Amino acid sequence: MTRALRLLRFGLVALVVAYLAVNAALGWVYVYVLTHPACPAIPTPDLDLPVPEEHQITTSDGETLRAWYYPSENGAAVLALGGLQGALGANLPPVAFLVAHGYGVLQIDSRMCGKPPRAVTLGFAEVQDAAAGLAFLMQRPEVNPARIAATGFSMGAVSAIRAAARHQEIAAVVAEGGYHNLGSDILESGHPTSLFHQVLLHGVAGAYWLQIGENPWRVSPISDLSQISPRAVLLIYGEHELNGARAEQQYQAAREPKELWIVPGGKHGGNYAIAKEEYEQRVLAFLEKNLR
């Protein structure tokens, strides 16, 4: 091999290594920013709700989280699990209509607002937050332990499904806008068509694994859905988000009793705003039926 060819080979190898290093760095930064959202010191209150009781709940891994509780008036209660910013106040999932109909509601804050602050894990460690909230509700004297449901939006939907698969005490689940499998969801982000895009997304998946300490393909609500039956599941997706989330496949993976509502014209985070009246009617009917 001539000196020129050796130099060319070395240059190509160096270029590939540099390219992979840059993608790994970009993936690392992206995951870090995603899992460390800003924590609002004072959550935005929902003006349709009364002033809640404020509590501190402690998870099995030692995290202390702020929680807002609206006491039950009908013996039933709903555990509310939110997205990256948590579920307090006006954050999704919507709960004001539940409180108005007598349901107790416990909203749990983001892990980034906890003591100590910890990374949001996109539905992995948040199962422990749900378990702590469930334990709180089961100890409330006004709540019938057999009448506790979980509702969640986005990451919270994933947490609600995964928590219900592990805790039989959750009698029903309302899950809006959750992904089907975290690893697959990362690799399908933006419908990549090029090798370069695929390399970047594999870097994101790898960064999640290293930072959070869990294989993202094991964070798989579509695998957990079948474990919830005979308790009921209501899946909610907007028309413009159902394909990416594989809503139909998730519905098929669940066992009866189950419901799937596709909101016409809806999108991630916008379903309640576009179909408020029907949203409330469907969720209330679902809870009435399954929390008797």
Protein backbone atom coordinates (compact mmCIF):
# COMPACT_ATOMS: atom_id res chain seq x y z
CA MET A 1 0.00 0.00 0.00
CA THR A 2 1.43 3.34 -0.98
CA ARG A 3 1.81 6.18 1.46
CA ALA A 4 -0.92 8.12 -0.34
CA LEU A 5 -3.41 5.27 0.03
CA ARG A 6 -2.55 4.86 3.70
CA LEU A 7 -3.16 8.54 4.26
CA LEU A 8 -6.45 8.33 2.39
CA ARG A 9 -7.55 5.33 4.45
CA PHE A 10 -6.57 7.05 7.68
CA GLY A 11 -8.41 10.18 6.60
CA LEU A 12 -11.60 8.24 5.85
CA VAL A 13 -11.48 6.43 9.19
CA ALA A 14 -10.87 9.71 11.00
CA LEU A 15 -13.80 11.28 9.15
CA VAL A 16 -16.15 8.43 10.11
CA VAL A 17 -15.01 8.54 13.75
CA ALA A 18 -15.49 12.31 13.85
CA TYR A 19 -18.95 11.99 12.29
CA LEU A 20 -20.02 9.37 14.84
CA ALA A 21 -18.58 11.44 17.69
CA VAL A 22 -20.50 14.53 16.57
CA ASN A 23 -23.75 12.54 16.32
CA ALA A 24 -23.17 11.00 19.74
CA ALA A 25 -22.59 14.46 21.20
CA LEU A 26 -25.73 15.85 19.56
CA GLY A 27 -27.76 12.90 20.83
CA TRP A 28 -26.37 13.35 24.33
CA VAL A 29 -27.22 17.05 24.42
CA TYR A 30 -30.69 16.46 22.97
CA VAL A 31 -31.58 13.83 25.58
CA TYR A 32 -30.17 15.92 28.42
CA VAL A 33 -32.21 18.97 27.43
CA LEU A 34 -35.35 16.86 26.89
CA THR A 35 -35.10 15.14 30.27
CA HIS A 36 -34.23 18.31 32.21
CA PRO A 37 -37.15 20.66 31.51
CA ALA A 38 -37.45 23.93 33.39
CA CYS A 39 -39.32 23.66 36.67
CA PRO A 40 -41.83 26.47 37.28
CA ALA A 41 -41.50 27.67 40.87
CA ILE A 42 -45.24 28.39 40.99
CA PRO A 43 -47.38 26.19 38.71
CA THR A 44 -50.11 27.94 36.76
CA PRO A 45 -53.38 27.30 38.62
CA ASP A 46 -56.50 26.12 36.84
CA LEU A 47 -58.99 28.94 37.43
CA ASP A 48 -61.87 26.47 37.15
CA LEU A 49 -60.64 24.62 40.23
CA PRO A 50 -60.78 25.45 43.94
CA VAL A 51 -57.58 25.86 45.94
CA PRO A 52 -56.13 22.35 46.34
CA GLU A 53 -54.52 20.70 49.33
CA GLU A 54 -50.75 20.61 48.82
CA HIS A 55 -48.92 17.45 49.85
CA GLN A 56 -45.48 15.89 49.54
CA ILE A 57 -45.30 12.26 48.40
CA THR A 58 -42.18 10.10 48.51
CA THR A 59 -41.39 7.51 45.85
CA SER A 60 -39.70 4.15 46.33
CA ASP A 61 -36.44 5.57 44.93
CA GLY A 62 -36.37 8.40 47.47
CA GLU A 63 -37.81 11.23 45.37
CA THR A 64 -40.06 13.73 47.18
CA LEU A 65 -42.65 15.24 44.86
CA ARG A 66 -45.18 18.00 45.27
CA ALA A 67 -48.79 16.91 44.73
CA TRP A 68 -52.06 18.83 44.63
CA TYR A 69 -55.13 17.05 45.93
CA TYR A 70 -58.81 17.85 45.43
CA PRO A 71 -60.76 15.70 47.94
CA SER A 72 -63.30 13.21 46.67
CA GLU A 73 -67.00 13.84 47.17
CA ASN A 74 -68.28 10.63 45.57
CA GLY A 75 -65.87 8.04 46.95
CA ALA A 76 -63.88 7.75 43.71
CA ALA A 77 -60.53 9.30 42.86
CA VAL A 78 -58.32 9.85 39.82
CA LEU A 79 -54.53 9.92 39.73
CA ALA A 80 -53.42 12.56 37.20
CA LEU A 81 -50.04 12.08 35.48
CA GLY A 82 -48.67 14.76 33.17
CA GLY A 83 -46.06 15.32 30.52
CA LEU A 84 -42.57 16.77 30.97
CA GLN A 85 -43.88 19.69 33.07
CA GLY A 86 -45.90 17.50 35.43
CA ALA A 87 -49.64 17.56 36.04
CA LEU A 88 -50.12 20.40 38.53
CA GLY A 89 -52.67 23.15 37.95
CA ALA A 90 -53.71 23.79 34.38
CA ASN A 91 -51.30 21.28 32.84
CA LEU A 92 -52.73 18.33 30.92
CA PRO A 93 -54.47 15.97 31.50
CA PRO A 94 -57.58 18.12 32.14
CA VAL A 95 -59.20 17.44 35.51
CA ALA A 96 -61.46 20.40 36.36
CA PHE A 97 -64.53 18.61 35.01
CA LEU A 98 -63.69 15.57 37.15
CA VAL A 99 -63.52 17.67 40.30
CA ALA A 100 -66.80 19.35 39.34
CA HIS A 101 -68.45 15.91 39.20
CA GLY A 102 -67.24 14.91 42.65
CA TYR A 103 -64.13 12.91 41.81
CA GLY A 104 -61.10 13.28 43.97
CA VAL A 105 -58.03 14.21 41.90
CA LEU A 106 -54.35 13.96 42.78
CA GLN A 107 -52.03 15.86 40.44
CA ILE A 108 -48.34 14.92 40.63
CA ASP A 109 -45.49 17.30 39.79
CA SER A 110 -42.52 16.71 37.48
CA ARG A 111 -39.41 14.95 38.77
CA MET A 112 -37.40 18.03 37.82
CA CYS A 113 -39.30 19.86 40.57
CA GLY A 114 -38.68 17.15 43.13
CA LYS A 115 -36.33 16.99 46.09
CA PRO A 116 -33.70 16.35 44.93
CA PRO A 117 -34.40 17.38 41.31
CA ARG A 118 -33.98 14.41 39.00
CA ALA A 119 -34.20 13.84 35.28
CA VAL A 120 -37.58 13.21 33.73
CA THR A 121 -37.35 9.68 32.30
CA LEU A 122 -40.18 9.74 29.72
CA GLY A 123 -42.27 7.11 31.49
CA PHE A 124 -39.67 4.82 33.06
CA ALA A 125 -39.13 6.03 36.66
CA GLU A 126 -42.45 7.90 36.62
CA VAL A 127 -44.14 4.57 37.34
CA GLN A 128 -42.76 4.98 40.88
CA ASP A 129 -44.37 8.42 41.08
CA ALA A 130 -47.70 6.87 40.12
CA ALA A 131 -47.26 4.17 42.77
CA ALA A 132 -46.63 6.79 45.45
CA GLY A 133 -49.70 8.72 44.35
CA LEU A 134 -51.77 5.54 44.39
CA ALA A 135 -50.63 4.79 47.95
CA PHE A 136 -51.65 8.32 48.99
CA LEU A 137 -55.15 7.94 47.55
CA MET A 138 -55.65 4.51 49.11
CA GLN A 139 -54.98 5.99 52.54
CA ARG A 140 -57.54 8.77 52.18
CA PRO A 141 -60.62 8.00 54.31
CA GLU A 142 -63.03 9.54 51.79
CA VAL A 143 -61.75 7.38 48.90
CA ASN A 144 -62.96 3.85 48.24
CA PRO A 145 -59.73 1.93 47.39
CA ALA A 146 -61.65 -0.06 44.77
CA ARG A 147 -62.62 3.14 42.91
CA ILE A 148 -59.27 4.64 41.88
CA ALA A 149 -58.42 5.38 38.24
CA ALA A 150 -55.36 6.86 36.52
CA THR A 151 -55.42 9.41 33.74
CA GLY A 152 -52.38 10.65 31.86
CA PHE A 153 -51.25 12.79 28.95
CA SER A 154 -48.23 12.05 26.73
CA MET A 155 -45.50 10.78 29.08
CA GLY A 156 -48.20 10.59 31.73
CA ALA A 157 -50.27 8.28 29.53
CA VAL A 158 -47.30 5.93 29.29
CA SER A 159 -46.82 6.12 33.06
CA ALA A 160 -50.52 5.40 33.69
CA ILE A 161 -50.48 2.31 31.45
CA ARG A 162 -47.24 0.96 32.87
CA ALA A 163 -48.35 1.64 36.46
CA ALA A 164 -51.72 -0.07 35.94
CA ALA A 165 -49.95 -3.15 34.53
CA ARG A 166 -47.98 -3.35 37.78
CA HIS A 167 -50.60 -2.26 40.33
CA GLN A 168 -53.93 -4.05 40.33
CA GLU A 169 -55.38 -1.35 42.58
CA ILE A 170 -55.72 0.98 39.57
CA ALA A 171 -59.25 0.11 38.45
CA ALA A 172 -59.30 1.97 35.11
CA VAL A 173 -56.97 3.95 32.83
CA VAL A 174 -57.51 6.96 30.57
CA ALA A 175 -54.39 7.41 28.43
CA GLU A 176 -54.08 10.28 25.94
CA GLY A 177 -51.30 10.75 23.41
CA GLY A 178 -48.74 8.25 24.67
CA TYR A 179 -46.11 6.53 22.50
CA HIS A 180 -46.14 2.77 21.89
CA ASN A 181 -42.48 1.94 22.60
CA LEU A 182 -39.82 4.47 23.52
CA GLY A 183 -36.94 2.95 21.54
CA SER A 184 -39.02 2.50 18.40
CA ASP A 185 -40.55 5.94 18.83
CA ILE A 186 -37.10 7.54 18.92
CA LEU A 187 -35.95 5.75 15.76
CA GLU A 188 -39.16 6.62 13.92
CA SER A 189 -38.96 10.30 14.83
CA GLY A 190 -39.50 12.45 11.77
CA HIS A 191 -39.88 9.41 9.48
CA PRO A 192 -36.13 9.20 8.73
CA THR A 193 -35.22 8.16 5.22
CA SER A 194 -31.45 8.61 5.23
CA LEU A 195 -28.64 6.68 6.84
CA PHE A 196 -27.34 9.93 8.37
CA HIS A 197 -30.65 10.54 10.12
CA GLN A 198 -30.73 6.96 11.39
CA VAL A 199 -27.23 7.30 12.85
CA LEU A 200 -28.30 10.45 14.71
CA LEU A 201 -31.43 8.80 16.11
CA HIS A 202 -29.49 5.74 17.25
CA GLY A 203 -27.23 8.20 19.05
CA VAL A 204 -30.30 9.64 20.81
CA ALA A 205 -31.46 6.17 21.88
CA GLY A 206 -27.99 5.33 23.13
CA ALA A 207 -27.75 8.60 25.04
CA TYR A 208 -31.06 7.88 26.78
CA TRP A 209 -29.81 4.42 27.77
CA LEU A 210 -26.57 5.83 29.21
CA GLN A 211 -28.11 8.84 30.98
CA ILE A 212 -31.24 7.20 32.38
CA GLY A 213 -29.87 3.70 32.85
CA GLU A 214 -32.64 1.85 31.04
CA ASN A 215 -32.91 0.30 27.60
CA PRO A 216 -35.51 2.51 25.83
CA TRP A 217 -36.97 -0.51 24.03
CA ARG A 218 -37.96 -1.92 27.43
CA VAL A 219 -40.10 1.14 28.14
CA SER A 220 -42.95 -0.34 26.15
CA PRO A 221 -46.56 0.48 27.02
CA ILE A 222 -47.77 -1.53 24.03
CA SER A 223 -46.36 -4.59 25.83
CA ASP A 224 -47.98 -3.59 29.13
CA LEU A 225 -51.49 -2.98 27.82
CA SER A 226 -52.46 -6.65 27.80
CA GLN A 227 -51.64 -6.89 31.52
CA ILE A 228 -54.37 -4.43 32.54
CA SER A 229 -57.44 -6.55 31.69
CA PRO A 230 -59.99 -7.19 33.18
CA ARG A 231 -59.67 -3.55 34.17
CA ALA A 232 -60.71 -1.07 31.49
CA VAL A 233 -58.57 1.16 29.26
CA LEU A 234 -59.62 4.23 27.26
CA LEU A 235 -57.04 5.35 24.67
CA ILE A 236 -57.40 8.87 23.25
CA TYR A 237 -55.51 10.14 20.20
CA GLY A 238 -55.90 13.04 17.82
CA GLU A 239 -56.41 12.31 14.15
CA HIS A 240 -53.01 13.82 13.34
CA GLU A 241 -51.01 11.86 15.92
CA LEU A 242 -52.47 8.37 15.80
CA ASN A 243 -50.14 6.90 13.14
CA GLY A 244 -46.90 7.91 14.83
CA ALA A 245 -48.14 6.56 18.14
CA ARG A 246 -49.47 3.37 16.54
CA ALA A 247 -52.81 3.94 18.22
CA GLU A 248 -54.56 1.12 16.39
CA GLN A 249 -51.80 -1.35 17.28
CA GLN A 250 -51.99 -0.31 20.91
CA TYR A 251 -55.74 -0.80 20.89
CA GLN A 252 -55.29 -4.27 19.41
CA ALA A 253 -52.65 -5.09 22.04
CA ALA A 254 -55.05 -4.24 24.88
CA ARG A 255 -57.63 -6.76 26.01
CA GLU A 256 -61.27 -6.14 26.80
CA PRO A 257 -62.71 -3.99 28.19
CA LYS A 258 -61.11 -1.33 26.04
CA GLU A 259 -62.04 1.78 24.07
CA LEU A 260 -60.27 3.89 21.45
CA TRP A 261 -61.39 7.41 20.64
CA ILE A 262 -59.84 9.17 17.65
CA VAL A 263 -60.51 12.91 17.90
CA PRO A 264 -61.31 14.32 14.41
CA GLY A 265 -58.86 17.11 13.60
CA GLY A 266 -57.06 16.56 16.90
CA LYS A 267 -53.33 16.71 17.50
CA HIS A 268 -50.94 16.07 20.36
CA GLY A 269 -51.91 18.33 23.24
CA GLY A 270 -54.88 19.80 21.40
CA ASN A 271 -57.60 17.17 21.72
CA TYR A 272 -59.32 18.64 24.77
CA ALA A 273 -59.37 22.13 23.27
CA ILE A 274 -60.88 20.97 19.99
CA ALA A 275 -63.50 18.61 21.45
CA LYS A 276 -63.97 19.71 25.06
CA GLU A 277 -67.61 18.71 25.48
CA GLU A 278 -67.25 15.26 23.93
CA TYR A 279 -63.96 14.70 25.76
CA GLU A 280 -65.63 15.32 29.10
CA GLN A 281 -68.67 13.22 28.24
CA ARG A 282 -66.60 10.25 27.10
CA VAL A 283 -64.24 10.29 30.08
CA LEU A 284 -67.05 10.74 32.61
CA ALA A 285 -69.08 7.91 31.03
CA PHE A 286 -65.98 5.67 31.05
CA LEU A 287 -65.27 6.34 34.71
CA GLU A 288 -68.90 6.01 35.73
CA LYS A 289 -69.04 2.63 34.05
CA ASN A 290 -65.77 1.27 35.37
CA LEU A 291 -65.54 2.76 38.89
CA ARG A 292 -68.90 1.53 40.15
